[in-house]
Each structure stands twice: as structure tokens, then as C-alpha cells.
Amino acid sequence: MSINDADFRYIRQLVKNRTSVTLAEDKAYLVESRLAALAKKTGASSVSYLLRKLRSQPFNRLHLEAIESMMITESCFFRDRHPFTTLQNFIIPELINKRQTQKRLNIWCAGCSSGQEPYSIAILLREYFPQLTSWQVSLIASDVSQTILERARQGCYNHYEITRGLSPDLRAKYLQRRDKYWQIQTEIRQMVEFIQFNLTDKWPPMSSLDIIFLRNVLIYFEVDTKKVILAKVREWLKPDGYLFLGAGETTIEIDRAFKPVQFNKTTCYQLIYS
């Protein structure tokens, strides 16, 4: 039996209150399927019984698991390709030239999910910019879900996941077989620091950032929340740094402090200073 409207409203509000993510009104089927999986995992006899438990108890680990089960975890290596080509051909060379004195780069991937995006950046840096091994490179990746971050830290992926975006040469060079899975080599995993936080909460201390990947994240928030997040991005992004958004995302008509910068098929954003 499908969840009723009251149950759907309850889950939508629970998720929004804790993460500021707004589940679309046509996602009842997604909520039902994911709660069914959680009900089975936790031994609940049905989704209805699971929801009764959630409603009757103070916020606890079960509520957190329900919220995390609603988070979109879609990711793949070198997703959409063009942003990584832009990093390789334009932005990293430009920043290496500009940062010769400091020899430091700070990069942040928000909404990193299971880790393919930050690991793709780490692989790109190691593969094409060996000179950076003598630099201080900070590559931070964050997500609201502690569960998905635990998986990202392990860096283990199945056959389907490693064939999405990774060439055979890169797979052979940077992954090792572990039984039924493949694991990112220790050297690459150690390049990434994974931290948990909600983009709408207080942000943890970070150095000023040269590159921010906020790709396919803003689409899950309402306009007012997008404005709050972009205002925080303004505080952390260096004046000559670059912000990457997803292909269907933009700062236009949301935050006028940013200007689009085009690199072939990739649109990035930089701060405007009058």
C-alpha cells in the first residue's frame, strides 16, 4: 500500500527541518521505496509501522537513518567530464602560475556523496600535475550524511561504479582489487579529508578556497536556502577562485555577487568586485 498524504508530509517536513532539503511533491514513490528498505533493515514489519515509530519517539538514530535514506547519493567518477577537462587544461595551470610563491591550493567538494568526485580531482592532480606533490594541497570533501561519508572514506566501489567515468588505464593505476570490490589506492585516499556538516548550519573553519565544487547540490534547495548557501560561499572563495555548479544550476538571479566564466563547454563562476 502506498504511503498516505499525511505520512508523506511528515517525512518531507522531517527532512526539511534537519537538512533544508525539499523533497519534490512527486517523490512519494521514492520515499516509500527507501522507507521500505529501511523498514526491512531495522526489522520493522511494514513502512506504516516504521512511520508510527518515528512519530511516537523523540528524535533519535532511527529518525537520522530515515533522513539519510532520503538523500540522493548519485555519483560517478569524472561526472560530466567537461568540468574536469576545464580543471586540467585551464584552471589548475592558471592557479599553479598564480600561487608559485605560496605553493598552496585549497579545494572543497560539497555534497560529495560516496566520494567519486573528490577522488576524481585527486587522481587528476596526481596524474597531470606531479609538481603539486611538493605543494600544500588541501582537498576537503563534505556531505550531510555520515553514513555515506563512512563509505567514501573507505573508497571501495563495485565493478559498475568503477566503469562509470574511469578509463582502464586509470583503474589499473589508482585502484586495487579487494575481493568483489576495487579500492582507491591509499596514496589517493590520503589526499582527501572527509568531513560531515549541513550546508545550512554553521560552517566549520576552512582556509580561503581556490576551487569549490558545489555541483548538483543547489537543485535540492528552495531559492531562499540557495541564497544563504551562496552567501557563505562568497565568504570562503578567494577573489580569483572558481565555483563549479551542476549543468542545470546557476547563480544568475540568485546572487549577483557572482559572474559566469566560460571555458569551452564549462561554465564556472567567480566573484564580482567593483
Protein backbone atom coordinates (compact mmCIF):
# COMPACT_ATOMS: atom_id res chain seq x y z
CA MET A 1 0.00 0.00 0.00
CA SER A 2 1.29 3.46 -0.89
CA ILE A 3 2.07 5.85 1.94
CA ASN A 4 -0.73 8.31 2.59
CA ASP A 5 -0.53 12.08 2.20
CA ALA A 6 -0.09 12.65 5.94
CA ASP A 7 2.88 10.27 6.09
CA PHE A 8 4.47 11.91 3.05
CA ARG A 9 4.05 15.38 4.55
CA TYR A 10 5.60 14.16 7.80
CA ILE A 11 8.72 12.80 6.05
CA ARG A 12 9.06 15.88 3.86
CA GLN A 13 8.93 18.13 6.92
CA LEU A 14 11.34 15.93 8.88
CA VAL A 15 13.88 16.05 6.06
CA LYS A 16 13.47 19.78 5.53
CA ASN A 17 13.75 20.61 9.24
CA ARG A 18 17.02 18.71 9.59
CA THR A 19 18.72 19.27 6.22
CA SER A 20 16.82 22.14 4.48
CA VAL A 21 16.43 19.77 1.51
CA THR A 22 12.98 19.95 -0.07
CA LEU A 23 11.62 16.68 -1.42
CA ALA A 24 9.56 17.31 -4.54
CA GLU A 25 5.83 16.70 -4.30
CA ASP A 26 6.05 13.91 -6.89
CA LYS A 27 8.61 11.89 -4.87
CA ALA A 28 6.17 9.87 -2.74
CA TYR A 29 7.23 6.73 -4.63
CA LEU A 30 10.89 7.42 -3.74
CA VAL A 31 10.04 7.95 -0.08
CA GLU A 32 8.04 4.74 0.01
CA SER A 33 10.74 2.60 -1.64
CA ARG A 34 13.50 3.95 0.59
CA LEU A 35 11.49 3.62 3.76
CA ALA A 36 10.62 0.06 2.73
CA ALA A 37 14.34 -0.71 2.57
CA LEU A 38 14.88 0.93 5.97
CA ALA A 39 11.94 -0.96 7.47
CA LYS A 40 13.44 -4.25 6.30
CA LYS A 41 16.89 -3.30 7.59
CA THR A 42 15.59 -2.33 11.04
CA GLY A 43 13.18 -5.24 11.40
CA ALA A 44 10.00 -3.15 11.16
CA SER A 45 7.08 -5.20 9.86
CA SER A 46 5.99 -2.51 7.39
CA VAL A 47 6.55 1.08 6.30
CA SER A 48 3.41 2.05 8.26
CA TYR A 49 4.83 0.53 11.43
CA LEU A 50 8.15 2.30 10.85
CA LEU A 51 6.36 5.64 10.46
CA ARG A 52 4.37 5.06 13.65
CA LYS A 53 7.65 4.50 15.48
CA LEU A 54 9.12 7.69 14.05
CA ARG A 55 6.07 9.73 15.02
CA SER A 56 5.88 8.35 18.55
CA GLN A 57 9.52 8.80 19.59
CA PRO A 58 11.78 11.79 20.25
CA PHE A 59 14.39 12.40 17.55
CA ASN A 60 16.88 9.53 17.64
CA ARG A 61 19.10 7.35 15.47
CA LEU A 62 16.09 5.90 13.61
CA HIS A 63 14.97 9.36 12.52
CA LEU A 64 18.51 10.09 11.35
CA GLU A 65 18.56 6.86 9.31
CA ALA A 66 15.22 7.78 7.75
CA ILE A 67 16.54 11.21 6.79
CA GLU A 68 19.78 9.80 5.39
CA SER A 69 17.83 7.26 3.34
CA MET A 70 16.15 10.19 1.57
CA MET A 71 19.41 11.79 0.48
CA ILE A 72 20.32 11.48 -3.19
CA THR A 73 23.63 9.64 -3.46
CA GLU A 74 24.05 9.52 -7.24
CA SER A 75 27.69 9.98 -8.22
CA CYS A 76 30.31 8.72 -10.62
CA PHE A 77 33.96 9.31 -11.45
CA PHE A 78 34.68 12.37 -13.63
CA ARG A 79 30.96 13.08 -13.84
CA ASP A 80 30.01 15.04 -16.99
CA ARG A 81 33.73 15.11 -17.92
CA HIS A 82 33.82 18.76 -19.06
CA PRO A 83 34.41 20.33 -15.62
CA PHE A 84 37.41 18.06 -15.09
CA THR A 85 38.76 18.87 -18.54
CA THR A 86 38.47 22.55 -17.60
CA LEU A 87 40.35 21.91 -14.37
CA GLN A 88 43.11 20.10 -16.22
CA ASN A 89 43.51 22.43 -19.19
CA PHE A 90 42.77 25.86 -17.75
CA ILE A 91 42.14 26.36 -14.07
CA ILE A 92 44.82 24.27 -12.37
CA PRO A 93 47.57 25.57 -14.71
CA GLU A 94 46.37 29.15 -14.05
CA LEU A 95 46.35 28.68 -10.28
CA ILE A 96 49.75 26.97 -10.29
CA ASN A 97 51.13 30.03 -12.06
CA LYS A 98 49.43 32.43 -9.64
CA ARG A 99 50.32 30.50 -6.47
CA GLN A 100 54.01 29.93 -7.17
CA THR A 101 55.04 31.91 -4.12
CA GLN A 102 52.66 30.30 -1.62
CA LYS A 103 52.71 26.83 -3.22
CA ARG A 104 49.29 26.09 -1.74
CA LEU A 105 45.94 25.08 -3.19
CA ASN A 106 42.67 24.72 -1.28
CA ILE A 107 39.82 22.77 -2.88
CA TRP A 108 36.42 21.82 -1.47
CA CYS A 109 33.82 19.37 -2.80
CA ALA A 110 30.40 19.88 -1.16
CA GLY A 111 27.76 17.17 -1.32
CA CYS A 112 30.47 14.64 -2.16
CA SER A 113 28.25 11.58 -1.66
CA SER A 114 30.25 8.32 -1.91
CA GLY A 115 33.46 10.09 -2.85
CA GLN A 116 33.87 9.70 -6.59
CA GLU A 117 34.07 13.45 -7.22
CA PRO A 118 36.88 14.31 -4.77
CA TYR A 119 38.76 11.15 -5.73
CA SER A 120 38.45 12.17 -9.39
CA ILE A 121 40.06 15.51 -8.54
CA ALA A 122 42.79 13.79 -6.52
CA ILE A 123 43.54 11.43 -9.41
CA LEU A 124 43.60 14.34 -11.87
CA LEU A 125 46.07 16.26 -9.70
CA ARG A 126 48.35 13.27 -9.27
CA GLU A 127 48.15 12.18 -12.90
CA TYR A 128 48.69 15.52 -14.65
CA PHE A 129 50.37 17.81 -12.12
CA PRO A 130 53.21 15.92 -10.41
CA GLN A 131 54.77 19.27 -9.41
CA LEU A 132 51.98 19.63 -6.85
CA THR A 133 53.43 16.82 -4.75
CA SER A 134 55.78 19.43 -3.29
CA TRP A 135 52.90 21.86 -2.63
CA GLN A 136 50.48 22.01 0.28
CA VAL A 137 47.24 20.83 -1.32
CA SER A 138 44.11 20.69 0.83
CA LEU A 139 41.26 18.69 -0.70
CA ILE A 140 38.21 18.67 1.59
CA ALA A 141 35.01 16.77 0.82
CA SER A 142 31.79 17.13 2.78
CA ASP A 143 28.31 15.68 2.95
CA VAL A 144 25.35 15.85 5.32
CA SER A 145 25.19 12.05 5.60
CA GLN A 146 27.63 10.41 7.99
CA THR A 147 26.74 7.00 6.56
CA ILE A 148 27.72 7.91 3.01
CA LEU A 149 30.91 9.61 4.27
CA GLU A 150 31.97 6.41 6.01
CA ARG A 151 31.68 4.67 2.67
CA ALA A 152 33.56 7.48 0.89
CA ARG A 153 36.47 7.20 3.32
CA GLN A 154 36.78 3.51 2.51
CA GLY A 155 36.98 4.30 -1.21
CA CYS A 156 35.57 0.89 -2.21
CA TYR A 157 33.45 0.54 -5.34
CA ASN A 158 31.84 -2.27 -7.29
CA HIS A 159 32.51 -3.11 -10.93
CA TYR A 160 29.64 -0.96 -12.23
CA GLU A 161 30.82 2.08 -10.28
CA ILE A 162 34.45 1.90 -11.40
CA THR A 163 33.50 1.58 -15.06
CA ARG A 164 31.47 4.81 -14.92
CA GLY A 165 33.97 7.51 -15.83
CA LEU A 166 37.27 5.78 -15.08
CA SER A 167 39.35 4.65 -18.05
CA PRO A 168 41.01 1.20 -17.89
CA ASP A 169 44.41 2.89 -17.53
CA LEU A 170 43.31 4.98 -14.55
CA ARG A 171 41.59 1.99 -12.95
CA ALA A 172 44.76 -0.06 -13.24
CA LYS A 173 46.92 2.74 -11.91
CA TYR A 174 44.86 4.03 -8.99
CA LEU A 175 42.64 1.17 -7.78
CA GLN A 176 43.39 -2.19 -6.21
CA ARG A 177 41.21 -5.32 -6.24
CA ARG A 178 39.68 -6.21 -2.86
CA ASP A 179 37.60 -9.40 -3.21
CA LYS A 180 34.42 -8.29 -5.00
CA TYR A 181 35.34 -4.62 -4.86
CA TRP A 182 38.02 -2.22 -6.03
CA GLN A 183 39.57 0.27 -3.62
CA ILE A 184 41.19 3.62 -4.30
CA GLN A 185 44.89 3.38 -3.50
CA THR A 186 45.92 4.59 -0.07
CA GLU A 187 48.05 7.41 -1.52
CA ILE A 188 45.00 8.90 -3.27
CA ARG A 189 42.62 8.33 -0.33
CA GLN A 190 45.01 10.20 1.94
CA MET A 191 44.77 13.27 -0.31
CA VAL A 192 41.10 13.77 0.67
CA GLU A 193 39.76 14.86 4.06
CA PHE A 194 36.10 13.94 4.53
CA ILE A 195 34.01 15.97 6.97
CA GLN A 196 30.31 15.92 7.87
CA PHE A 197 28.20 19.05 8.01
CA ASN A 198 24.96 20.58 6.83
CA LEU A 199 25.40 23.42 4.36
CA THR A 200 22.66 25.41 6.08
CA ASP A 201 24.28 25.12 9.53
CA LYS A 202 27.38 26.88 10.81
CA TRP A 203 30.31 26.04 8.55
CA PRO A 204 33.49 24.62 10.09
CA PRO A 205 36.75 26.59 9.92
CA MET A 206 38.38 26.36 6.49
CA SER A 207 41.14 28.24 4.73
CA SER A 208 40.14 30.52 1.86
CA LEU A 209 39.33 28.35 -1.12
CA ASP A 210 40.73 28.38 -4.64
CA ILE A 211 38.15 25.96 -6.06
CA ILE A 212 34.69 24.99 -4.81
CA PHE A 213 32.73 22.13 -6.35
CA LEU A 214 29.06 22.61 -5.42
CA ARG A 215 27.74 20.54 -8.27
CA ASN A 216 24.20 19.13 -8.34
CA VAL A 217 23.58 20.29 -4.76
CA LEU A 218 21.63 23.56 -5.00
CA ILE A 219 18.87 21.87 -7.03
CA TYR A 220 17.59 20.26 -3.82
CA PHE A 221 17.05 23.57 -2.02
CA GLU A 222 14.48 26.35 -2.23
CA VAL A 223 15.60 29.75 -3.51
CA ASP A 224 15.97 31.33 -0.07
CA THR A 225 18.21 28.48 1.07
CA LYS A 226 20.28 28.75 -2.11
CA LYS A 227 20.85 32.42 -1.30
CA VAL A 228 22.05 31.56 2.21
CA ILE A 229 24.47 28.94 0.89
CA LEU A 230 25.87 31.18 -1.86
CA ALA A 231 26.35 33.99 0.65
CA LYS A 232 28.52 31.63 2.70
CA VAL A 233 30.40 30.59 -0.45
CA ARG A 234 31.24 34.27 -1.00
CA GLU A 235 32.97 34.38 2.36
CA TRP A 236 35.20 31.40 1.60
CA LEU A 237 36.00 31.72 -2.11
CA LYS A 238 39.15 33.65 -2.98
CA PRO A 239 38.69 36.70 -5.25
CA ASP A 240 40.30 34.84 -8.16
CA GLY A 241 38.90 31.43 -7.18
CA TYR A 242 36.36 29.37 -9.12
CA LEU A 243 32.96 27.97 -8.20
CA PHE A 244 31.63 24.94 -10.11
CA LEU A 245 27.90 24.25 -10.16
CA GLY A 246 25.94 21.48 -11.88
CA ALA A 247 24.91 21.81 -15.50
CA GLY A 248 21.35 22.73 -14.51
CA GLU A 249 22.36 25.20 -11.79
CA THR A 250 23.27 28.88 -11.84
CA THR A 251 23.87 31.88 -9.59
CA ILE A 252 22.03 34.17 -12.02
CA GLU A 253 19.04 35.91 -10.36
CA ILE A 254 20.02 34.29 -7.05
CA ASP A 255 23.27 36.01 -6.08
CA ARG A 256 24.55 38.97 -8.08
CA ALA A 257 28.00 38.78 -6.48
CA PHE A 258 28.96 36.06 -8.99
CA LYS A 259 29.72 36.28 -12.68
CA PRO A 260 29.77 33.35 -15.12
CA VAL A 261 33.11 32.50 -16.76
CA GLN A 262 33.06 30.27 -19.82
CA PHE A 263 35.71 27.64 -20.65
CA ASN A 264 34.61 25.84 -23.80
CA LYS A 265 31.65 23.70 -22.63
CA THR A 266 32.05 24.53 -18.94
CA THR A 267 30.56 27.49 -17.09
CA CYS A 268 32.27 28.43 -13.81
CA TYR A 269 31.60 31.35 -11.52
CA GLN A 270 33.85 33.98 -9.98
CA LEU A 271 33.18 36.80 -7.58
CA ILE A 272 32.48 40.29 -8.90
CA TYR A 273 34.34 43.09 -7.18
CA SER A 274 33.51 46.70 -8.13
